Each structure stands twice: as C-alpha cells, then as structure tokens.
C-alpha cells in the first residue's frame, strides 16, 4: 500500500525513530563520499505555489545525489492555471513520475492530491503543516543533545503557523515537553492541539515568553508574518513585539540552550543578529539537515532501505 507524508501524524513513533536513524546513515555515507544511487531511473515532480529556497534546493539536490531526476513546475506552468482540477492532475502525473512534492497555500490541496495519486505524495509545506521541517528539526536536536526525547522545546511567536502546528503533532507522538508561547489568539490549531493532548502529549500554552523559556533546552522561533499574510504585516509587528528572541530572552534560559529557526529569518524582528549568529544558534545545521532527512523520507515512502 502506498504511503504519503502529509503530516507528522501519518507516522508512528517507531517510524520516526527509524527515519532519524536512516538519516544518520545517509548523512554519514554522504560525508564519507561513498557513491550510492538507489534512485537511478526514478523521477520526482515538485509542484510549488509558494517561493522556496531550502525546500526546493534540498529536495532536488537530495534526489539527484541519490541518482534520480526531478521536474519542477509552478501551477502557472501547468494546466492547473487553466482550471484543471487537483484530482485530474494527480491522476495524470501518477502515470509519469515516481513521487510528488507539493508546496501549497491550502492544506486541503495536498490532501486531495494524495487521495487521487497512485504514487507517494510529500507535503513540502502548506499553510497548516510543515512535516519535513519538523523531522529535520528533531534530527538536529538528536545530533546536538544526543537524544530525540526528554528535552524541553519552547516555540516563541506565532503558535498558529505551520511549524508550530507540526511541532504540536510531533509532541503528541514523541516524549518531550513542548511549550508554545504566543499572544492570545495565536495558539496552535485547536483540533491538532486536542488530538496531540489526547495522545498524551506534554504540551503547554504560555502567554509570557519570559516565563516560558526558563529551563528550555531549545528555543525555536519563526517569522511573525508568513506568506499569504502580508496584509496583516503592520498589525502583527505590534502584536508580536514582546515575543522577539533576543539576548535578554535567551539569558533567561540555560546557558547551553540551543536556538533554532526554520529560515528565512526576518532579522531584527522575531530574532536579533546576536542570537541567530551566536554560539548557541544551530540554524544552518538545521537547514542542512533538510537535505539528509528528506532523502530518508523519499526512500521510506518508496520502500527502499538505506
């Protein structure tokens, strides 16, 4: 039966752990310059509604490094722009390629595409969820802390965005403490939060960032205004101004607390230069690990063991 990665909740705990361990094998092999081309003869299609640096480059480079080829299109370059349905597009391209990555605004588009595709579909980002990013984040934490559970992660900022929602899903499966500190009205999506809590997730909402970060092993932030929210920009600057990750906020956590950001960052807004460029920042290791984790995701969905 074909598998998709639409959300973190598509995976079981043991599958997440296997993905992390497979990623380590893949990354070690890459740094050892050992040739390995399990995707020879395979083709990946990327359909992106949103601009991208990390998601596009990491997927295309990773697929190529494993011997495969990729095709990139935007909706404007396809019949989607002429009114062809998501369903008909999915049924067609399923006959051409081996795996599809979507980067969209409406999460429902990924769901509908996957429901009508005979090949694996990966959510490269939607307004609701960002599963590939969160798996790379967990792998990076494992690299730095030596464990993928039993830590405290504090997300600072817009708790309603796709990164925060996916972190909530992950906390519902893995055993770590997650604190979302955000302004009132910007909490994670209610159904996602309730489902994660029902699964036993150790998740808290705290409206005071200075209290929330105490004892944190990891502090994580993202932009205050995501793609598609540009009309809210000035309003959001005022709402989130007390949720900036700066040296004062980091100073309330532990001395060794790590700083993460999925990038791109709006320097001087959600994070200051001294934090993102500081000794505790692991944002570029985090960004690199998108490459290695996504290789593991593709192989997992195609049923190929590293």
Protein backbone atom coordinates (compact mmCIF):
# COMPACT_ATOMS: atom_id res chain seq x y z
CA UNK A 1 0.00 0.00 0.00
CA UNK A 2 1.38 3.41 -0.94
CA UNK A 3 2.34 5.83 1.83
CA UNK A 4 2.24 9.62 1.89
CA UNK A 5 3.75 12.19 4.23
CA UNK A 6 1.07 14.84 4.60
CA UNK A 7 1.50 15.37 8.32
CA UNK A 8 3.65 14.11 11.18
CA UNK A 9 0.63 12.17 12.38
CA UNK A 10 1.00 9.92 9.31
CA UNK A 11 3.96 8.36 11.13
CA UNK A 12 4.20 6.15 14.19
CA UNK A 13 6.81 6.72 16.87
CA UNK A 14 8.92 3.76 15.72
CA UNK A 15 8.79 5.03 12.13
CA UNK A 16 10.04 8.46 13.21
CA UNK A 17 12.92 6.86 15.09
CA UNK A 18 13.74 4.70 12.06
CA UNK A 19 13.71 7.79 9.83
CA UNK A 20 16.15 9.54 12.16
CA UNK A 21 18.48 6.55 12.24
CA UNK A 22 18.26 6.15 8.46
CA UNK A 23 19.07 9.84 8.10
CA UNK A 24 22.24 9.36 10.14
CA UNK A 25 23.32 6.50 7.84
CA UNK A 26 22.59 8.62 4.77
CA UNK A 27 24.40 11.68 6.12
CA UNK A 28 27.42 9.63 7.24
CA UNK A 29 27.60 7.98 3.81
CA UNK A 30 27.42 11.40 2.12
CA UNK A 31 30.27 12.81 4.22
CA UNK A 32 32.31 9.68 3.57
CA UNK A 33 31.96 10.25 -0.20
CA UNK A 34 30.62 6.73 -0.70
CA UNK A 35 28.78 6.52 -4.04
CA UNK A 36 25.22 5.23 -3.68
CA UNK A 37 22.47 5.68 -6.26
CA UNK A 38 19.30 3.86 -5.17
CA UNK A 39 17.09 6.29 -7.10
CA UNK A 40 18.60 5.65 -10.52
CA UNK A 41 15.77 5.66 -13.02
CA UNK A 42 13.38 7.41 -10.60
CA UNK A 43 11.77 10.81 -11.20
CA UNK A 44 10.40 13.29 -8.67
CA UNK A 45 7.89 16.01 -9.55
CA UNK A 46 7.75 19.22 -7.50
CA UNK A 47 4.67 21.46 -7.80
CA UNK A 48 5.18 24.70 -5.84
CA UNK A 49 2.67 27.51 -5.36
CA UNK A 50 4.99 29.32 -2.95
CA UNK A 51 8.55 30.61 -3.44
CA UNK A 52 11.22 28.40 -1.91
CA UNK A 53 14.93 28.19 -1.24
CA UNK A 54 15.54 25.38 1.26
CA UNK A 55 12.62 23.11 0.33
CA UNK A 56 13.24 23.18 -3.41
CA UNK A 57 17.03 23.01 -3.35
CA UNK A 58 17.21 20.33 -0.65
CA UNK A 59 14.68 18.08 -2.38
CA UNK A 60 16.17 18.48 -5.85
CA UNK A 61 19.77 18.16 -4.68
CA UNK A 62 18.98 15.19 -2.46
CA UNK A 63 17.11 13.31 -5.16
CA UNK A 64 19.93 13.97 -7.62
CA UNK A 65 22.61 12.86 -5.15
CA UNK A 66 20.81 9.51 -4.88
CA UNK A 67 20.79 9.09 -8.66
CA UNK A 68 17.31 10.35 -9.50
CA UNK A 69 15.99 13.19 -11.63
CA UNK A 70 13.49 15.91 -10.74
CA UNK A 71 11.00 18.11 -12.58
CA UNK A 72 9.91 21.45 -11.09
CA UNK A 73 6.77 23.32 -12.12
CA UNK A 74 4.54 26.04 -10.73
CA UNK A 75 0.74 25.96 -11.17
CA UNK A 76 1.16 28.76 -13.72
CA UNK A 77 3.29 26.42 -15.84
CA UNK A 78 0.69 23.66 -15.76
CA UNK A 79 -2.95 23.17 -16.63
CA UNK A 80 -3.84 23.89 -13.01
CA UNK A 81 -3.74 27.55 -14.01
CA UNK A 82 -6.30 26.80 -16.76
CA UNK A 83 -8.78 25.19 -14.41
CA UNK A 84 -7.72 21.54 -14.40
CA UNK A 85 -8.61 20.03 -11.05
CA UNK A 86 -6.14 18.83 -8.43
CA UNK A 87 -7.73 15.39 -8.79
CA UNK A 88 -7.17 15.15 -12.55
CA UNK A 89 -3.61 16.45 -12.23
CA UNK A 90 -2.83 13.84 -9.56
CA UNK A 91 -4.30 11.00 -11.63
CA UNK A 92 -2.26 12.08 -14.66
CA UNK A 93 1.18 12.71 -13.16
CA UNK A 94 0.92 9.47 -11.17
CA UNK A 95 1.49 7.75 -14.51
CA UNK A 96 4.60 9.78 -15.32
CA UNK A 97 6.73 10.04 -12.17
CA UNK A 98 7.52 8.09 -9.00
CA UNK A 99 6.93 10.62 -6.22
CA UNK A 100 5.49 14.14 -5.88
CA UNK A 101 6.31 17.04 -3.54
CA UNK A 102 3.73 19.80 -3.13
CA UNK A 103 4.25 23.26 -1.59
CA UNK A 104 0.89 24.99 -1.35
CA UNK A 105 -1.21 27.53 0.48
CA UNK A 106 -4.34 25.50 1.23
CA UNK A 107 -3.60 22.26 3.09
CA UNK A 108 -6.68 20.66 1.57
CA UNK A 109 -4.94 20.67 -1.84
CA UNK A 110 -2.26 18.30 -0.57
CA UNK A 111 -4.90 16.04 0.94
CA UNK A 112 -6.97 15.92 -2.26
CA UNK A 113 -3.88 15.34 -4.40
CA UNK A 114 -2.76 12.43 -2.22
CA UNK A 115 -6.23 10.89 -2.25
CA UNK A 116 -6.13 10.75 -6.06
CA UNK A 117 -2.46 9.84 -6.55
CA UNK A 118 -1.21 6.30 -7.05
CA UNK A 119 2.30 7.34 -6.04
CA UNK A 120 3.64 8.78 -2.75
CA UNK A 121 2.92 12.45 -2.05
CA UNK A 122 5.00 14.64 0.29
CA UNK A 123 3.76 17.83 1.87
CA UNK A 124 6.70 20.16 1.30
CA UNK A 125 4.75 22.87 3.17
CA UNK A 126 1.17 24.01 3.48
CA UNK A 127 -0.34 26.86 5.47
CA UNK A 128 -1.33 24.32 8.12
CA UNK A 129 1.65 21.96 8.42
CA UNK A 130 5.38 21.61 7.67
CA UNK A 131 6.27 17.96 8.43
CA UNK A 132 9.61 17.75 6.58
CA UNK A 133 10.95 20.74 8.50
CA UNK A 134 9.94 19.27 11.84
CA UNK A 135 11.58 15.91 11.14
CA UNK A 136 14.80 17.76 10.22
CA UNK A 137 14.47 19.74 13.46
CA UNK A 138 14.18 16.59 15.54
CA UNK A 139 17.16 15.03 13.79
CA UNK A 140 19.20 18.17 14.52
CA UNK A 141 18.20 18.10 18.19
CA UNK A 142 19.24 14.43 18.33
CA UNK A 143 22.64 15.35 16.83
CA UNK A 144 23.19 18.15 19.34
CA UNK A 145 21.68 16.75 22.54
CA UNK A 146 22.27 13.05 21.92
CA UNK A 147 18.58 12.26 22.42
CA UNK A 148 15.36 12.68 20.49
CA UNK A 149 13.14 12.73 23.60
CA UNK A 150 13.31 14.03 27.18
CA UNK A 151 14.01 17.69 26.42
CA UNK A 152 12.10 20.96 26.69
CA UNK A 153 11.43 22.88 23.47
CA UNK A 154 9.89 26.34 23.61
CA UNK A 155 8.39 27.80 20.45
CA UNK A 156 8.22 31.60 20.61
CA UNK A 157 5.95 33.64 18.36
CA UNK A 158 3.03 32.72 16.11
CA UNK A 159 1.72 29.49 17.61
CA UNK A 160 -0.85 29.18 14.83
CA UNK A 161 1.63 28.75 11.99
CA UNK A 162 2.57 25.54 10.18
CA UNK A 163 5.82 24.95 12.10
CA UNK A 164 4.10 25.27 15.48
CA UNK A 165 1.23 23.01 14.40
CA UNK A 166 3.67 20.33 13.24
CA UNK A 167 5.66 20.61 16.47
CA UNK A 168 2.41 20.00 18.35
CA UNK A 169 1.77 16.90 16.24
CA UNK A 170 5.30 15.66 16.95
CA UNK A 171 4.91 16.24 20.69
CA UNK A 172 1.80 14.09 20.60
CA UNK A 173 3.92 11.17 19.38
CA UNK A 174 7.36 11.67 20.94
CA UNK A 175 8.16 12.11 24.62
CA UNK A 176 9.35 15.70 25.02
CA UNK A 177 7.97 18.84 26.63
CA UNK A 178 6.65 21.46 24.21
CA UNK A 179 5.75 24.98 25.31
CA UNK A 180 4.13 27.34 22.83
CA UNK A 181 4.48 30.94 23.96
CA UNK A 182 2.41 33.29 21.87
CA UNK A 183 -0.01 36.23 22.11
CA UNK A 184 -3.62 35.33 22.93
CA UNK A 185 -5.48 34.37 19.75
CA UNK A 186 -2.39 32.90 18.09
CA UNK A 187 -2.45 29.43 19.63
CA UNK A 188 -1.97 26.22 17.58
CA UNK A 189 -4.91 24.91 15.56
CA UNK A 190 -7.41 23.61 18.10
CA UNK A 191 -8.10 20.19 16.55
CA UNK A 192 -4.38 19.46 16.17
CA UNK A 193 -3.68 20.51 19.76
CA UNK A 194 -6.58 18.49 21.18
CA UNK A 195 -5.55 15.38 19.25
CA UNK A 196 -1.94 15.66 20.44
CA UNK A 197 -3.08 16.12 24.05
CA UNK A 198 -5.39 13.13 23.71
CA UNK A 199 -2.38 11.05 22.66
CA UNK A 200 -0.60 12.08 25.85
CA UNK A 201 1.50 14.97 24.53
CA UNK A 202 3.21 17.15 27.17
CA UNK A 203 2.17 20.46 25.62
CA UNK A 204 1.56 23.80 27.33
CA UNK A 205 0.46 27.22 26.13
CA UNK A 206 2.13 30.14 27.94
CA UNK A 207 1.43 33.77 27.08
CA UNK A 208 4.54 35.06 28.91
CA UNK A 209 7.69 34.34 26.87
CA UNK A 210 9.99 35.36 29.73
CA UNK A 211 8.45 32.73 31.97
CA UNK A 212 8.07 30.11 29.22
CA UNK A 213 11.76 29.89 28.24
CA UNK A 214 13.02 29.05 31.73
CA UNK A 215 14.65 25.63 31.70
CA UNK A 216 14.41 25.31 27.91
CA UNK A 217 16.85 23.02 26.10
CA UNK A 218 15.80 24.51 22.76
CA UNK A 219 14.23 27.85 21.85
CA UNK A 220 12.63 27.94 18.43
CA UNK A 221 11.07 30.80 16.51
CA UNK A 222 9.71 31.58 13.06
CA UNK A 223 8.62 34.67 11.16
CA UNK A 224 5.72 36.66 12.57
CA UNK A 225 4.10 37.11 9.17
CA UNK A 226 4.05 34.08 6.87
CA UNK A 227 3.48 34.01 3.11
CA UNK A 228 -0.11 34.99 2.38
CA UNK A 229 -0.39 37.19 5.50
CA UNK A 230 1.28 40.29 4.06
CA UNK A 231 -1.83 42.46 4.60
CA UNK A 232 -1.51 41.80 8.35
CA UNK A 233 2.16 42.85 8.49
CA UNK A 234 1.88 46.12 10.46
CA UNK A 235 -0.71 44.67 12.81
CA UNK A 236 1.44 41.64 13.54
CA UNK A 237 4.52 43.75 14.27
CA UNK A 238 2.65 45.29 17.18
CA UNK A 239 1.09 42.06 18.40
CA UNK A 240 4.36 40.09 18.44
CA UNK A 241 6.81 42.81 19.54
CA UNK A 242 7.24 41.27 23.00
CA UNK A 243 8.00 37.83 21.50
CA UNK A 244 11.35 38.66 19.94
CA UNK A 245 14.12 36.15 20.66
CA UNK A 246 16.99 38.36 21.79
CA UNK A 247 19.89 38.09 24.22
CA UNK A 248 17.63 39.08 27.13
CA UNK A 249 15.19 36.25 26.41
CA UNK A 250 17.95 33.71 25.78
CA UNK A 251 19.57 34.79 29.05
CA UNK A 252 16.54 33.56 30.97
CA UNK A 253 17.06 30.02 29.66
CA UNK A 254 20.02 27.75 30.35
CA UNK A 255 23.49 28.81 29.28
CA UNK A 256 23.67 25.94 26.77
CA UNK A 257 20.14 26.40 25.37
CA UNK A 258 20.10 25.90 21.60
CA UNK A 259 18.46 28.36 19.20
CA UNK A 260 16.55 27.13 16.13
CA UNK A 261 14.75 28.86 13.25
CA UNK A 262 13.37 27.17 10.13
CA UNK A 263 14.50 30.15 7.98
CA UNK A 264 14.24 32.51 6.21
CA UNK A 265 14.57 34.85 9.16
CA UNK A 266 13.47 38.46 9.42
CA UNK A 267 16.48 39.67 11.36
CA UNK A 268 15.64 42.38 13.84
CA UNK A 269 12.03 41.21 14.11
CA UNK A 270 11.48 37.71 15.52
CA UNK A 271 15.20 37.26 16.22
CA UNK A 272 18.20 39.54 16.66
CA UNK A 273 21.59 39.16 14.99
CA UNK A 274 23.40 38.36 18.23
CA UNK A 275 21.17 35.31 18.72
CA UNK A 276 20.94 33.90 15.21
CA UNK A 277 24.69 34.42 14.68
CA UNK A 278 25.59 33.47 18.24
CA UNK A 279 27.35 30.36 19.56
CA UNK A 280 24.09 28.62 20.56
CA UNK A 281 22.49 29.02 17.14
CA UNK A 282 22.19 25.81 15.09
CA UNK A 283 20.01 27.23 12.33
CA UNK A 284 22.35 26.33 9.46
CA UNK A 285 22.91 22.78 10.71
CA UNK A 286 19.13 22.59 10.92
CA UNK A 287 18.82 23.87 7.34
CA UNK A 288 21.42 21.39 6.04
CA UNK A 289 19.60 18.52 7.66
CA UNK A 290 16.58 19.13 5.47
CA UNK A 291 18.72 17.58 2.70
CA UNK A 292 19.51 14.39 4.58
CA UNK A 293 16.13 13.88 6.28
CA UNK A 294 14.27 14.32 3.01
CA UNK A 295 16.43 11.68 1.38
CA UNK A 296 15.35 9.33 4.17
CA UNK A 297 11.69 10.33 3.71
CA UNK A 298 11.79 9.65 -0.04
CA UNK A 299 13.45 6.26 0.45
CA UNK A 300 10.97 5.36 3.19
CA UNK A 301 7.96 6.21 1.01
CA UNK A 302 9.43 4.32 -1.98
CA UNK A 303 10.15 1.29 0.19
CA UNK A 304 13.94 1.46 -0.23
CA UNK A 305 16.08 0.58 2.81
CA UNK A 306 19.25 2.71 3.22
